[in-house]
Amino acid sequence: GDNAKNTVYLQMNTLKPEDTAVYYC
């Protein structure tokens, strides 16, 4: 997270087909 930017991140590595989805914050 970056509190100054009011932003949260999700770094996703080594992605797999089963990671396919709609991602919600």
PDBML (XML) file of the C-alpha atoms, coordinates in Angstrom:
<?xml version="1.0" encoding="UTF-8" ?>
<PDBx:datablock datablockName="MODEL"
   xmlns:PDBx="http://pdbml.pdb.org/schema/pdbx-v50.xsd"
   xmlns:xsi="http://www.w3.org/2001/XMLSchema-instance"
   xsi:schemaLocation="http://pdbml.pdb.org/schema/pdbx-v50.xsd pdbx-v50.xsd">
   <PDBx:atom_siteCategory>
      <PDBx:atom_site id="1">
         <PDBx:B_iso_or_equiv>0.00</PDBx:B_iso_or_equiv>
         <PDBx:Cartn_x>0.000</PDBx:Cartn_x>
         <PDBx:Cartn_y>0.000</PDBx:Cartn_y>
         <PDBx:Cartn_z>0.000</PDBx:Cartn_z>
         <PDBx:auth_asym_id>A</PDBx:auth_asym_id>
         <PDBx:auth_atom_id>CA</PDBx:auth_atom_id>
         <PDBx:auth_comp_id>GLY</PDBx:auth_comp_id>
         <PDBx:auth_seq_id>1</PDBx:auth_seq_id>
         <PDBx:group_PDB>ATOM</PDBx:group_PDB>
         <PDBx:label_alt_id xsi:nil="true" />
         <PDBx:label_asym_id>A</PDBx:label_asym_id>
         <PDBx:label_atom_id>CA</PDBx:label_atom_id>
         <PDBx:label_comp_id>GLY</PDBx:label_comp_id>
         <PDBx:label_entity_id>1</PDBx:label_entity_id>
         <PDBx:label_seq_id>1</PDBx:label_seq_id>
         <PDBx:occupancy>1.00</PDBx:occupancy>
         <PDBx:pdbx_PDB_model_num>1</PDBx:pdbx_PDB_model_num>
         <PDBx:type_symbol>C</PDBx:type_symbol>
      </PDBx:atom_site>
      <PDBx:atom_site id="2">
         <PDBx:B_iso_or_equiv>0.00</PDBx:B_iso_or_equiv>
         <PDBx:Cartn_x>0.913</PDBx:Cartn_x>
         <PDBx:Cartn_y>3.631</PDBx:Cartn_y>
         <PDBx:Cartn_z>-0.549</PDBx:Cartn_z>
         <PDBx:auth_asym_id>A</PDBx:auth_asym_id>
         <PDBx:auth_atom_id>CA</PDBx:auth_atom_id>
         <PDBx:auth_comp_id>ASP</PDBx:auth_comp_id>
         <PDBx:auth_seq_id>2</PDBx:auth_seq_id>
         <PDBx:group_PDB>ATOM</PDBx:group_PDB>
         <PDBx:label_alt_id xsi:nil="true" />
         <PDBx:label_asym_id>A</PDBx:label_asym_id>
         <PDBx:label_atom_id>CA</PDBx:label_atom_id>
         <PDBx:label_comp_id>ASP</PDBx:label_comp_id>
         <PDBx:label_entity_id>1</PDBx:label_entity_id>
         <PDBx:label_seq_id>2</PDBx:label_seq_id>
         <PDBx:occupancy>1.00</PDBx:occupancy>
         <PDBx:pdbx_PDB_model_num>1</PDBx:pdbx_PDB_model_num>
         <PDBx:type_symbol>C</PDBx:type_symbol>
      </PDBx:atom_site>
      <PDBx:atom_site id="3">
         <PDBx:B_iso_or_equiv>0.00</PDBx:B_iso_or_equiv>
         <PDBx:Cartn_x>-1.017</PDBx:Cartn_x>
         <PDBx:Cartn_y>5.656</PDBx:Cartn_y>
         <PDBx:Cartn_z>2.021</PDBx:Cartn_z>
         <PDBx:auth_asym_id>A</PDBx:auth_asym_id>
         <PDBx:auth_atom_id>CA</PDBx:auth_atom_id>
         <PDBx:auth_comp_id>ASN</PDBx:auth_comp_id>
         <PDBx:auth_seq_id>3</PDBx:auth_seq_id>
         <PDBx:group_PDB>ATOM</PDBx:group_PDB>
         <PDBx:label_alt_id xsi:nil="true" />
         <PDBx:label_asym_id>A</PDBx:label_asym_id>
         <PDBx:label_atom_id>CA</PDBx:label_atom_id>
         <PDBx:label_comp_id>ASN</PDBx:label_comp_id>
         <PDBx:label_entity_id>1</PDBx:label_entity_id>
         <PDBx:label_seq_id>3</PDBx:label_seq_id>
         <PDBx:occupancy>1.00</PDBx:occupancy>
         <PDBx:pdbx_PDB_model_num>1</PDBx:pdbx_PDB_model_num>
         <PDBx:type_symbol>C</PDBx:type_symbol>
      </PDBx:atom_site>
      <PDBx:atom_site id="4">
         <PDBx:B_iso_or_equiv>0.00</PDBx:B_iso_or_equiv>
         <PDBx:Cartn_x>0.024</PDBx:Cartn_x>
         <PDBx:Cartn_y>8.967</PDBx:Cartn_y>
         <PDBx:Cartn_z>0.470</PDBx:Cartn_z>
         <PDBx:auth_asym_id>A</PDBx:auth_asym_id>
         <PDBx:auth_atom_id>CA</PDBx:auth_atom_id>
         <PDBx:auth_comp_id>ALA</PDBx:auth_comp_id>
         <PDBx:auth_seq_id>4</PDBx:auth_seq_id>
         <PDBx:group_PDB>ATOM</PDBx:group_PDB>
         <PDBx:label_alt_id xsi:nil="true" />
         <PDBx:label_asym_id>A</PDBx:label_asym_id>
         <PDBx:label_atom_id>CA</PDBx:label_atom_id>
         <PDBx:label_comp_id>ALA</PDBx:label_comp_id>
         <PDBx:label_entity_id>1</PDBx:label_entity_id>
         <PDBx:label_seq_id>4</PDBx:label_seq_id>
         <PDBx:occupancy>1.00</PDBx:occupancy>
         <PDBx:pdbx_PDB_model_num>1</PDBx:pdbx_PDB_model_num>
         <PDBx:type_symbol>C</PDBx:type_symbol>
      </PDBx:atom_site>
      <PDBx:atom_site id="5">
         <PDBx:B_iso_or_equiv>0.00</PDBx:B_iso_or_equiv>
         <PDBx:Cartn_x>-1.590</PDBx:Cartn_x>
         <PDBx:Cartn_y>7.928</PDBx:Cartn_y>
         <PDBx:Cartn_z>-2.819</PDBx:Cartn_z>
         <PDBx:auth_asym_id>A</PDBx:auth_asym_id>
         <PDBx:auth_atom_id>CA</PDBx:auth_atom_id>
         <PDBx:auth_comp_id>LYS</PDBx:auth_comp_id>
         <PDBx:auth_seq_id>5</PDBx:auth_seq_id>
         <PDBx:group_PDB>ATOM</PDBx:group_PDB>
         <PDBx:label_alt_id xsi:nil="true" />
         <PDBx:label_asym_id>A</PDBx:label_asym_id>
         <PDBx:label_atom_id>CA</PDBx:label_atom_id>
         <PDBx:label_comp_id>LYS</PDBx:label_comp_id>
         <PDBx:label_entity_id>1</PDBx:label_entity_id>
         <PDBx:label_seq_id>5</PDBx:label_seq_id>
         <PDBx:occupancy>1.00</PDBx:occupancy>
         <PDBx:pdbx_PDB_model_num>1</PDBx:pdbx_PDB_model_num>
         <PDBx:type_symbol>C</PDBx:type_symbol>
      </PDBx:atom_site>
      <PDBx:atom_site id="6">
         <PDBx:B_iso_or_equiv>0.00</PDBx:B_iso_or_equiv>
         <PDBx:Cartn_x>-4.581</PDBx:Cartn_x>
         <PDBx:Cartn_y>6.159</PDBx:Cartn_y>
         <PDBx:Cartn_z>-1.226</PDBx:Cartn_z>
         <PDBx:auth_asym_id>A</PDBx:auth_asym_id>
         <PDBx:auth_atom_id>CA</PDBx:auth_atom_id>
         <PDBx:auth_comp_id>ASN</PDBx:auth_comp_id>
         <PDBx:auth_seq_id>6</PDBx:auth_seq_id>
         <PDBx:group_PDB>ATOM</PDBx:group_PDB>
         <PDBx:label_alt_id xsi:nil="true" />
         <PDBx:label_asym_id>A</PDBx:label_asym_id>
         <PDBx:label_atom_id>CA</PDBx:label_atom_id>
         <PDBx:label_comp_id>ASN</PDBx:label_comp_id>
         <PDBx:label_entity_id>1</PDBx:label_entity_id>
         <PDBx:label_seq_id>6</PDBx:label_seq_id>
         <PDBx:occupancy>1.00</PDBx:occupancy>
         <PDBx:pdbx_PDB_model_num>1</PDBx:pdbx_PDB_model_num>
         <PDBx:type_symbol>C</PDBx:type_symbol>
      </PDBx:atom_site>
      <PDBx:atom_site id="7">
         <PDBx:B_iso_or_equiv>0.00</PDBx:B_iso_or_equiv>
         <PDBx:Cartn_x>-3.607</PDBx:Cartn_x>
         <PDBx:Cartn_y>3.169</PDBx:Cartn_y>
         <PDBx:Cartn_z>-3.363</PDBx:Cartn_z>
         <PDBx:auth_asym_id>A</PDBx:auth_asym_id>
         <PDBx:auth_atom_id>CA</PDBx:auth_atom_id>
         <PDBx:auth_comp_id>THR</PDBx:auth_comp_id>
         <PDBx:auth_seq_id>7</PDBx:auth_seq_id>
         <PDBx:group_PDB>ATOM</PDBx:group_PDB>
         <PDBx:label_alt_id xsi:nil="true" />
         <PDBx:label_asym_id>A</PDBx:label_asym_id>
         <PDBx:label_atom_id>CA</PDBx:label_atom_id>
         <PDBx:label_comp_id>THR</PDBx:label_comp_id>
         <PDBx:label_entity_id>1</PDBx:label_entity_id>
         <PDBx:label_seq_id>7</PDBx:label_seq_id>
         <PDBx:occupancy>1.00</PDBx:occupancy>
         <PDBx:pdbx_PDB_model_num>1</PDBx:pdbx_PDB_model_num>
         <PDBx:type_symbol>C</PDBx:type_symbol>
      </PDBx:atom_site>
      <PDBx:atom_site id="8">
         <PDBx:B_iso_or_equiv>0.00</PDBx:B_iso_or_equiv>
         <PDBx:Cartn_x>-3.166</PDBx:Cartn_x>
         <PDBx:Cartn_y>-0.539</PDBx:Cartn_y>
         <PDBx:Cartn_z>-2.746</PDBx:Cartn_z>
         <PDBx:auth_asym_id>A</PDBx:auth_asym_id>
         <PDBx:auth_atom_id>CA</PDBx:auth_atom_id>
         <PDBx:auth_comp_id>VAL</PDBx:auth_comp_id>
         <PDBx:auth_seq_id>8</PDBx:auth_seq_id>
         <PDBx:group_PDB>ATOM</PDBx:group_PDB>
         <PDBx:label_alt_id xsi:nil="true" />
         <PDBx:label_asym_id>A</PDBx:label_asym_id>
         <PDBx:label_atom_id>CA</PDBx:label_atom_id>
         <PDBx:label_comp_id>VAL</PDBx:label_comp_id>
         <PDBx:label_entity_id>1</PDBx:label_entity_id>
         <PDBx:label_seq_id>8</PDBx:label_seq_id>
         <PDBx:occupancy>1.00</PDBx:occupancy>
         <PDBx:pdbx_PDB_model_num>1</PDBx:pdbx_PDB_model_num>
         <PDBx:type_symbol>C</PDBx:type_symbol>
      </PDBx:atom_site>
      <PDBx:atom_site id="9">
         <PDBx:B_iso_or_equiv>0.00</PDBx:B_iso_or_equiv>
         <PDBx:Cartn_x>-1.333</PDBx:Cartn_x>
         <PDBx:Cartn_y>-2.837</PDBx:Cartn_y>
         <PDBx:Cartn_z>-5.122</PDBx:Cartn_z>
         <PDBx:auth_asym_id>A</PDBx:auth_asym_id>
         <PDBx:auth_atom_id>CA</PDBx:auth_atom_id>
         <PDBx:auth_comp_id>TYR</PDBx:auth_comp_id>
         <PDBx:auth_seq_id>9</PDBx:auth_seq_id>
         <PDBx:group_PDB>ATOM</PDBx:group_PDB>
         <PDBx:label_alt_id xsi:nil="true" />
         <PDBx:label_asym_id>A</PDBx:label_asym_id>
         <PDBx:label_atom_id>CA</PDBx:label_atom_id>
         <PDBx:label_comp_id>TYR</PDBx:label_comp_id>
         <PDBx:label_entity_id>1</PDBx:label_entity_id>
         <PDBx:label_seq_id>9</PDBx:label_seq_id>
         <PDBx:occupancy>1.00</PDBx:occupancy>
         <PDBx:pdbx_PDB_model_num>1</PDBx:pdbx_PDB_model_num>
         <PDBx:type_symbol>C</PDBx:type_symbol>
      </PDBx:atom_site>
      <PDBx:atom_site id="10">
         <PDBx:B_iso_or_equiv>0.00</PDBx:B_iso_or_equiv>
         <PDBx:Cartn_x>-1.315</PDBx:Cartn_x>
         <PDBx:Cartn_y>-6.552</PDBx:Cartn_y>
         <PDBx:Cartn_z>-5.836</PDBx:Cartn_z>
         <PDBx:auth_asym_id>A</PDBx:auth_asym_id>
         <PDBx:auth_atom_id>CA</PDBx:auth_atom_id>
         <PDBx:auth_comp_id>LEU</PDBx:auth_comp_id>
         <PDBx:auth_seq_id>10</PDBx:auth_seq_id>
         <PDBx:group_PDB>ATOM</PDBx:group_PDB>
         <PDBx:label_alt_id xsi:nil="true" />
         <PDBx:label_asym_id>A</PDBx:label_asym_id>
         <PDBx:label_atom_id>CA</PDBx:label_atom_id>
         <PDBx:label_comp_id>LEU</PDBx:label_comp_id>
         <PDBx:label_entity_id>1</PDBx:label_entity_id>
         <PDBx:label_seq_id>10</PDBx:label_seq_id>
         <PDBx:occupancy>1.00</PDBx:occupancy>
         <PDBx:pdbx_PDB_model_num>1</PDBx:pdbx_PDB_model_num>
         <PDBx:type_symbol>C</PDBx:type_symbol>
      </PDBx:atom_site>
      <PDBx:atom_site id="11">
         <PDBx:B_iso_or_equiv>0.00</PDBx:B_iso_or_equiv>
         <PDBx:Cartn_x>1.825</PDBx:Cartn_x>
         <PDBx:Cartn_y>-7.795</PDBx:Cartn_y>
         <PDBx:Cartn_z>-7.546</PDBx:Cartn_z>
         <PDBx:auth_asym_id>A</PDBx:auth_asym_id>
         <PDBx:auth_atom_id>CA</PDBx:auth_atom_id>
         <PDBx:auth_comp_id>GLN</PDBx:auth_comp_id>
         <PDBx:auth_seq_id>11</PDBx:auth_seq_id>
         <PDBx:group_PDB>ATOM</PDBx:group_PDB>
         <PDBx:label_alt_id xsi:nil="true" />
         <PDBx:label_asym_id>A</PDBx:label_asym_id>
         <PDBx:label_atom_id>CA</PDBx:label_atom_id>
         <PDBx:label_comp_id>GLN</PDBx:label_comp_id>
         <PDBx:label_entity_id>1</PDBx:label_entity_id>
         <PDBx:label_seq_id>11</PDBx:label_seq_id>
         <PDBx:occupancy>1.00</PDBx:occupancy>
         <PDBx:pdbx_PDB_model_num>1</PDBx:pdbx_PDB_model_num>
         <PDBx:type_symbol>C</PDBx:type_symbol>
      </PDBx:atom_site>
      <PDBx:atom_site id="12">
         <PDBx:B_iso_or_equiv>0.00</PDBx:B_iso_or_equiv>
         <PDBx:Cartn_x>1.077</PDBx:Cartn_x>
         <PDBx:Cartn_y>-11.159</PDBx:Cartn_y>
         <PDBx:Cartn_z>-9.119</PDBx:Cartn_z>
         <PDBx:auth_asym_id>A</PDBx:auth_asym_id>
         <PDBx:auth_atom_id>CA</PDBx:auth_atom_id>
         <PDBx:auth_comp_id>MET</PDBx:auth_comp_id>
         <PDBx:auth_seq_id>12</PDBx:auth_seq_id>
         <PDBx:group_PDB>ATOM</PDBx:group_PDB>
         <PDBx:label_alt_id xsi:nil="true" />
         <PDBx:label_asym_id>A</PDBx:label_asym_id>
         <PDBx:label_atom_id>CA</PDBx:label_atom_id>
         <PDBx:label_comp_id>MET</PDBx:label_comp_id>
         <PDBx:label_entity_id>1</PDBx:label_entity_id>
         <PDBx:label_seq_id>12</PDBx:label_seq_id>
         <PDBx:occupancy>1.00</PDBx:occupancy>
         <PDBx:pdbx_PDB_model_num>1</PDBx:pdbx_PDB_model_num>
         <PDBx:type_symbol>C</PDBx:type_symbol>
      </PDBx:atom_site>
      <PDBx:atom_site id="13">
         <PDBx:B_iso_or_equiv>0.00</PDBx:B_iso_or_equiv>
         <PDBx:Cartn_x>3.958</PDBx:Cartn_x>
         <PDBx:Cartn_y>-13.324</PDBx:Cartn_y>
         <PDBx:Cartn_z>-10.316</PDBx:Cartn_z>
         <PDBx:auth_asym_id>A</PDBx:auth_asym_id>
         <PDBx:auth_atom_id>CA</PDBx:auth_atom_id>
         <PDBx:auth_comp_id>ASN</PDBx:auth_comp_id>
         <PDBx:auth_seq_id>13</PDBx:auth_seq_id>
         <PDBx:group_PDB>ATOM</PDBx:group_PDB>
         <PDBx:label_alt_id xsi:nil="true" />
         <PDBx:label_asym_id>A</PDBx:label_asym_id>
         <PDBx:label_atom_id>CA</PDBx:label_atom_id>
         <PDBx:label_comp_id>ASN</PDBx:label_comp_id>
         <PDBx:label_entity_id>1</PDBx:label_entity_id>
         <PDBx:label_seq_id>13</PDBx:label_seq_id>
         <PDBx:occupancy>1.00</PDBx:occupancy>
         <PDBx:pdbx_PDB_model_num>1</PDBx:pdbx_PDB_model_num>
         <PDBx:type_symbol>C</PDBx:type_symbol>
      </PDBx:atom_site>
      <PDBx:atom_site id="14">
         <PDBx:B_iso_or_equiv>0.00</PDBx:B_iso_or_equiv>
         <PDBx:Cartn_x>4.164</PDBx:Cartn_x>
         <PDBx:Cartn_y>-16.835</PDBx:Cartn_y>
         <PDBx:Cartn_z>-11.743</PDBx:Cartn_z>
         <PDBx:auth_asym_id>A</PDBx:auth_asym_id>
         <PDBx:auth_atom_id>CA</PDBx:auth_atom_id>
         <PDBx:auth_comp_id>THR</PDBx:auth_comp_id>
         <PDBx:auth_seq_id>14</PDBx:auth_seq_id>
         <PDBx:group_PDB>ATOM</PDBx:group_PDB>
         <PDBx:label_alt_id xsi:nil="true" />
         <PDBx:label_asym_id>A</PDBx:label_asym_id>
         <PDBx:label_atom_id>CA</PDBx:label_atom_id>
         <PDBx:label_comp_id>THR</PDBx:label_comp_id>
         <PDBx:label_entity_id>1</PDBx:label_entity_id>
         <PDBx:label_seq_id>14</PDBx:label_seq_id>
         <PDBx:occupancy>1.00</PDBx:occupancy>
         <PDBx:pdbx_PDB_model_num>1</PDBx:pdbx_PDB_model_num>
         <PDBx:type_symbol>C</PDBx:type_symbol>
      </PDBx:atom_site>
      <PDBx:atom_site id="15">
         <PDBx:B_iso_or_equiv>0.00</PDBx:B_iso_or_equiv>
         <PDBx:Cartn_x>0.539</PDBx:Cartn_x>
         <PDBx:Cartn_y>-16.629</PDBx:Cartn_y>
         <PDBx:Cartn_z>-12.780</PDBx:Cartn_z>
         <PDBx:auth_asym_id>A</PDBx:auth_asym_id>
         <PDBx:auth_atom_id>CA</PDBx:auth_atom_id>
         <PDBx:auth_comp_id>LEU</PDBx:auth_comp_id>
         <PDBx:auth_seq_id>15</PDBx:auth_seq_id>
         <PDBx:group_PDB>ATOM</PDBx:group_PDB>
         <PDBx:label_alt_id xsi:nil="true" />
         <PDBx:label_asym_id>A</PDBx:label_asym_id>
         <PDBx:label_atom_id>CA</PDBx:label_atom_id>
         <PDBx:label_comp_id>LEU</PDBx:label_comp_id>
         <PDBx:label_entity_id>1</PDBx:label_entity_id>
         <PDBx:label_seq_id>15</PDBx:label_seq_id>
         <PDBx:occupancy>1.00</PDBx:occupancy>
         <PDBx:pdbx_PDB_model_num>1</PDBx:pdbx_PDB_model_num>
         <PDBx:type_symbol>C</PDBx:type_symbol>
      </PDBx:atom_site>
      <PDBx:atom_site id="16">
         <PDBx:B_iso_or_equiv>0.00</PDBx:B_iso_or_equiv>
         <PDBx:Cartn_x>-1.406</PDBx:Cartn_x>
         <PDBx:Cartn_y>-19.833</PDBx:Cartn_y>
         <PDBx:Cartn_z>-13.412</PDBx:Cartn_z>
         <PDBx:auth_asym_id>A</PDBx:auth_asym_id>
         <PDBx:auth_atom_id>CA</PDBx:auth_atom_id>
         <PDBx:auth_comp_id>LYS</PDBx:auth_comp_id>
         <PDBx:auth_seq_id>16</PDBx:auth_seq_id>
         <PDBx:group_PDB>ATOM</PDBx:group_PDB>
         <PDBx:label_alt_id xsi:nil="true" />
         <PDBx:label_asym_id>A</PDBx:label_asym_id>
         <PDBx:label_atom_id>CA</PDBx:label_atom_id>
         <PDBx:label_comp_id>LYS</PDBx:label_comp_id>
         <PDBx:label_entity_id>1</PDBx:label_entity_id>
         <PDBx:label_seq_id>16</PDBx:label_seq_id>
         <PDBx:occupancy>1.00</PDBx:occupancy>
         <PDBx:pdbx_PDB_model_num>1</PDBx:pdbx_PDB_model_num>
         <PDBx:type_symbol>C</PDBx:type_symbol>
      </PDBx:atom_site>
      <PDBx:atom_site id="17">
         <PDBx:B_iso_or_equiv>0.00</PDBx:B_iso_or_equiv>
         <PDBx:Cartn_x>-4.553</PDBx:Cartn_x>
         <PDBx:Cartn_y>-20.477</PDBx:Cartn_y>
         <PDBx:Cartn_z>-15.443</PDBx:Cartn_z>
         <PDBx:auth_asym_id>A</PDBx:auth_asym_id>
         <PDBx:auth_atom_id>CA</PDBx:auth_atom_id>
         <PDBx:auth_comp_id>PRO</PDBx:auth_comp_id>
         <PDBx:auth_seq_id>17</PDBx:auth_seq_id>
         <PDBx:group_PDB>ATOM</PDBx:group_PDB>
         <PDBx:label_alt_id xsi:nil="true" />
         <PDBx:label_asym_id>A</PDBx:label_asym_id>
         <PDBx:label_atom_id>CA</PDBx:label_atom_id>
         <PDBx:label_comp_id>PRO</PDBx:label_comp_id>
         <PDBx:label_entity_id>1</PDBx:label_entity_id>
         <PDBx:label_seq_id>17</PDBx:label_seq_id>
         <PDBx:occupancy>1.00</PDBx:occupancy>
         <PDBx:pdbx_PDB_model_num>1</PDBx:pdbx_PDB_model_num>
         <PDBx:type_symbol>C</PDBx:type_symbol>
      </PDBx:atom_site>
      <PDBx:atom_site id="18">
         <PDBx:B_iso_or_equiv>0.00</PDBx:B_iso_or_equiv>
         <PDBx:Cartn_x>-6.413</PDBx:Cartn_x>
         <PDBx:Cartn_y>-21.062</PDBx:Cartn_y>
         <PDBx:Cartn_z>-12.183</PDBx:Cartn_z>
         <PDBx:auth_asym_id>A</PDBx:auth_asym_id>
         <PDBx:auth_atom_id>CA</PDBx:auth_atom_id>
         <PDBx:auth_comp_id>GLU</PDBx:auth_comp_id>
         <PDBx:auth_seq_id>18</PDBx:auth_seq_id>
         <PDBx:group_PDB>ATOM</PDBx:group_PDB>
         <PDBx:label_alt_id xsi:nil="true" />
         <PDBx:label_asym_id>A</PDBx:label_asym_id>
         <PDBx:label_atom_id>CA</PDBx:label_atom_id>
         <PDBx:label_comp_id>GLU</PDBx:label_comp_id>
         <PDBx:label_entity_id>1</PDBx:label_entity_id>
         <PDBx:label_seq_id>18</PDBx:label_seq_id>
         <PDBx:occupancy>1.00</PDBx:occupancy>
         <PDBx:pdbx_PDB_model_num>1</PDBx:pdbx_PDB_model_num>
         <PDBx:type_symbol>C</PDBx:type_symbol>
      </PDBx:atom_site>
      <PDBx:atom_site id="19">
         <PDBx:B_iso_or_equiv>0.00</PDBx:B_iso_or_equiv>
         <PDBx:Cartn_x>-5.699</PDBx:Cartn_x>
         <PDBx:Cartn_y>-17.450</PDBx:Cartn_y>
         <PDBx:Cartn_z>-11.209</PDBx:Cartn_z>
         <PDBx:auth_asym_id>A</PDBx:auth_asym_id>
         <PDBx:auth_atom_id>CA</PDBx:auth_atom_id>
         <PDBx:auth_comp_id>ASP</PDBx:auth_comp_id>
         <PDBx:auth_seq_id>19</PDBx:auth_seq_id>
         <PDBx:group_PDB>ATOM</PDBx:group_PDB>
         <PDBx:label_alt_id xsi:nil="true" />
         <PDBx:label_asym_id>A</PDBx:label_asym_id>
         <PDBx:label_atom_id>CA</PDBx:label_atom_id>
         <PDBx:label_comp_id>ASP</PDBx:label_comp_id>
         <PDBx:label_entity_id>1</PDBx:label_entity_id>
         <PDBx:label_seq_id>19</PDBx:label_seq_id>
         <PDBx:occupancy>1.00</PDBx:occupancy>
         <PDBx:pdbx_PDB_model_num>1</PDBx:pdbx_PDB_model_num>
         <PDBx:type_symbol>C</PDBx:type_symbol>
      </PDBx:atom_site>
      <PDBx:atom_site id="20">
         <PDBx:B_iso_or_equiv>0.00</PDBx:B_iso_or_equiv>
         <PDBx:Cartn_x>-8.130</PDBx:Cartn_x>
         <PDBx:Cartn_y>-16.379</PDBx:Cartn_y>
         <PDBx:Cartn_z>-13.930</PDBx:Cartn_z>
         <PDBx:auth_asym_id>A</PDBx:auth_asym_id>
         <PDBx:auth_atom_id>CA</PDBx:auth_atom_id>
         <PDBx:auth_comp_id>THR</PDBx:auth_comp_id>
         <PDBx:auth_seq_id>20</PDBx:auth_seq_id>
         <PDBx:group_PDB>ATOM</PDBx:group_PDB>
         <PDBx:label_alt_id xsi:nil="true" />
         <PDBx:label_asym_id>A</PDBx:label_asym_id>
         <PDBx:label_atom_id>CA</PDBx:label_atom_id>
         <PDBx:label_comp_id>THR</PDBx:label_comp_id>
         <PDBx:label_entity_id>1</PDBx:label_entity_id>
         <PDBx:label_seq_id>20</PDBx:label_seq_id>
         <PDBx:occupancy>1.00</PDBx:occupancy>
         <PDBx:pdbx_PDB_model_num>1</PDBx:pdbx_PDB_model_num>
         <PDBx:type_symbol>C</PDBx:type_symbol>
      </PDBx:atom_site>
      <PDBx:atom_site id="21">
         <PDBx:B_iso_or_equiv>0.00</PDBx:B_iso_or_equiv>
         <PDBx:Cartn_x>-10.905</PDBx:Cartn_x>
         <PDBx:Cartn_y>-14.374</PDBx:Cartn_y>
         <PDBx:Cartn_z>-12.275</PDBx:Cartn_z>
         <PDBx:auth_asym_id>A</PDBx:auth_asym_id>
         <PDBx:auth_atom_id>CA</PDBx:auth_atom_id>
         <PDBx:auth_comp_id>ALA</PDBx:auth_comp_id>
         <PDBx:auth_seq_id>21</PDBx:auth_seq_id>
         <PDBx:group_PDB>ATOM</PDBx:group_PDB>
         <PDBx:label_alt_id xsi:nil="true" />
         <PDBx:label_asym_id>A</PDBx:label_asym_id>
         <PDBx:label_atom_id>CA</PDBx:label_atom_id>
         <PDBx:label_comp_id>ALA</PDBx:label_comp_id>
         <PDBx:label_entity_id>1</PDBx:label_entity_id>
         <PDBx:label_seq_id>21</PDBx:label_seq_id>
         <PDBx:occupancy>1.00</PDBx:occupancy>
         <PDBx:pdbx_PDB_model_num>1</PDBx:pdbx_PDB_model_num>
         <PDBx:type_symbol>C</PDBx:type_symbol>
      </PDBx:atom_site>
      <PDBx:atom_site id="22">
         <PDBx:B_iso_or_equiv>0.00</PDBx:B_iso_or_equiv>
         <PDBx:Cartn_x>-12.353</PDBx:Cartn_x>
         <PDBx:Cartn_y>-10.944</PDBx:Cartn_y>
         <PDBx:Cartn_z>-11.728</PDBx:Cartn_z>
         <PDBx:auth_asym_id>A</PDBx:auth_asym_id>
         <PDBx:auth_atom_id>CA</PDBx:auth_atom_id>
         <PDBx:auth_comp_id>VAL</PDBx:auth_comp_id>
         <PDBx:auth_seq_id>22</PDBx:auth_seq_id>
         <PDBx:group_PDB>ATOM</PDBx:group_PDB>
         <PDBx:label_alt_id xsi:nil="true" />
         <PDBx:label_asym_id>A</PDBx:label_asym_id>
         <PDBx:label_atom_id>CA</PDBx:label_atom_id>
         <PDBx:label_comp_id>VAL</PDBx:label_comp_id>
         <PDBx:label_entity_id>1</PDBx:label_entity_id>
         <PDBx:label_seq_id>22</PDBx:label_seq_id>
         <PDBx:occupancy>1.00</PDBx:occupancy>
         <PDBx:pdbx_PDB_model_num>1</PDBx:pdbx_PDB_model_num>
         <PDBx:type_symbol>C</PDBx:type_symbol>
      </PDBx:atom_site>
      <PDBx:atom_site id="23">
         <PDBx:B_iso_or_equiv>0.00</PDBx:B_iso_or_equiv>
         <PDBx:Cartn_x>-10.282</PDBx:Cartn_x>
         <PDBx:Cartn_y>-9.288</PDBx:Cartn_y>
         <PDBx:Cartn_z>-9.027</PDBx:Cartn_z>
         <PDBx:auth_asym_id>A</PDBx:auth_asym_id>
         <PDBx:auth_atom_id>CA</PDBx:auth_atom_id>
         <PDBx:auth_comp_id>TYR</PDBx:auth_comp_id>
         <PDBx:auth_seq_id>23</PDBx:auth_seq_id>
         <PDBx:group_PDB>ATOM</PDBx:group_PDB>
         <PDBx:label_alt_id xsi:nil="true" />
         <PDBx:label_asym_id>A</PDBx:label_asym_id>
         <PDBx:label_atom_id>CA</PDBx:label_atom_id>
         <PDBx:label_comp_id>TYR</PDBx:label_comp_id>
         <PDBx:label_entity_id>1</PDBx:label_entity_id>
         <PDBx:label_seq_id>23</PDBx:label_seq_id>
         <PDBx:occupancy>1.00</PDBx:occupancy>
         <PDBx:pdbx_PDB_model_num>1</PDBx:pdbx_PDB_model_num>
         <PDBx:type_symbol>C</PDBx:type_symbol>
      </PDBx:atom_site>
      <PDBx:atom_site id="24">
         <PDBx:B_iso_or_equiv>0.00</PDBx:B_iso_or_equiv>
         <PDBx:Cartn_x>-11.989</PDBx:Cartn_x>
         <PDBx:Cartn_y>-6.932</PDBx:Cartn_y>
         <PDBx:Cartn_z>-6.594</PDBx:Cartn_z>
         <PDBx:auth_asym_id>A</PDBx:auth_asym_id>
         <PDBx:auth_atom_id>CA</PDBx:auth_atom_id>
         <PDBx:auth_comp_id>TYR</PDBx:auth_comp_id>
         <PDBx:auth_seq_id>24</PDBx:auth_seq_id>
         <PDBx:group_PDB>ATOM</PDBx:group_PDB>
         <PDBx:label_alt_id xsi:nil="true" />
         <PDBx:label_asym_id>A</PDBx:label_asym_id>
         <PDBx:label_atom_id>CA</PDBx:label_atom_id>
         <PDBx:label_comp_id>TYR</PDBx:label_comp_id>
         <PDBx:label_entity_id>1</PDBx:label_entity_id>
         <PDBx:label_seq_id>24</PDBx:label_seq_id>
         <PDBx:occupancy>1.00</PDBx:occupancy>
         <PDBx:pdbx_PDB_model_num>1</PDBx:pdbx_PDB_model_num>
         <PDBx:type_symbol>C</PDBx:type_symbol>
      </PDBx:atom_site>
      <PDBx:atom_site id="25">
         <PDBx:B_iso_or_equiv>0.00</PDBx:B_iso_or_equiv>
         <PDBx:Cartn_x>-10.582</PDBx:Cartn_x>
         <PDBx:Cartn_y>-4.414</PDBx:Cartn_y>
         <PDBx:Cartn_z>-4.177</PDBx:Cartn_z>
         <PDBx:auth_asym_id>A</PDBx:auth_asym_id>
         <PDBx:auth_atom_id>CA</PDBx:auth_atom_id>
         <PDBx:auth_comp_id>CYS</PDBx:auth_comp_id>
         <PDBx:auth_seq_id>25</PDBx:auth_seq_id>
         <PDBx:group_PDB>ATOM</PDBx:group_PDB>
         <PDBx:label_alt_id xsi:nil="true" />
         <PDBx:label_asym_id>A</PDBx:label_asym_id>
         <PDBx:label_atom_id>CA</PDBx:label_atom_id>
         <PDBx:label_comp_id>CYS</PDBx:label_comp_id>
         <PDBx:label_entity_id>1</PDBx:label_entity_id>
         <PDBx:label_seq_id>25</PDBx:label_seq_id>
         <PDBx:occupancy>1.00</PDBx:occupancy>
         <PDBx:pdbx_PDB_model_num>1</PDBx:pdbx_PDB_model_num>
         <PDBx:type_symbol>C</PDBx:type_symbol>
      </PDBx:atom_site>
   </PDBx:atom_siteCategory>
</PDBx:datablock>
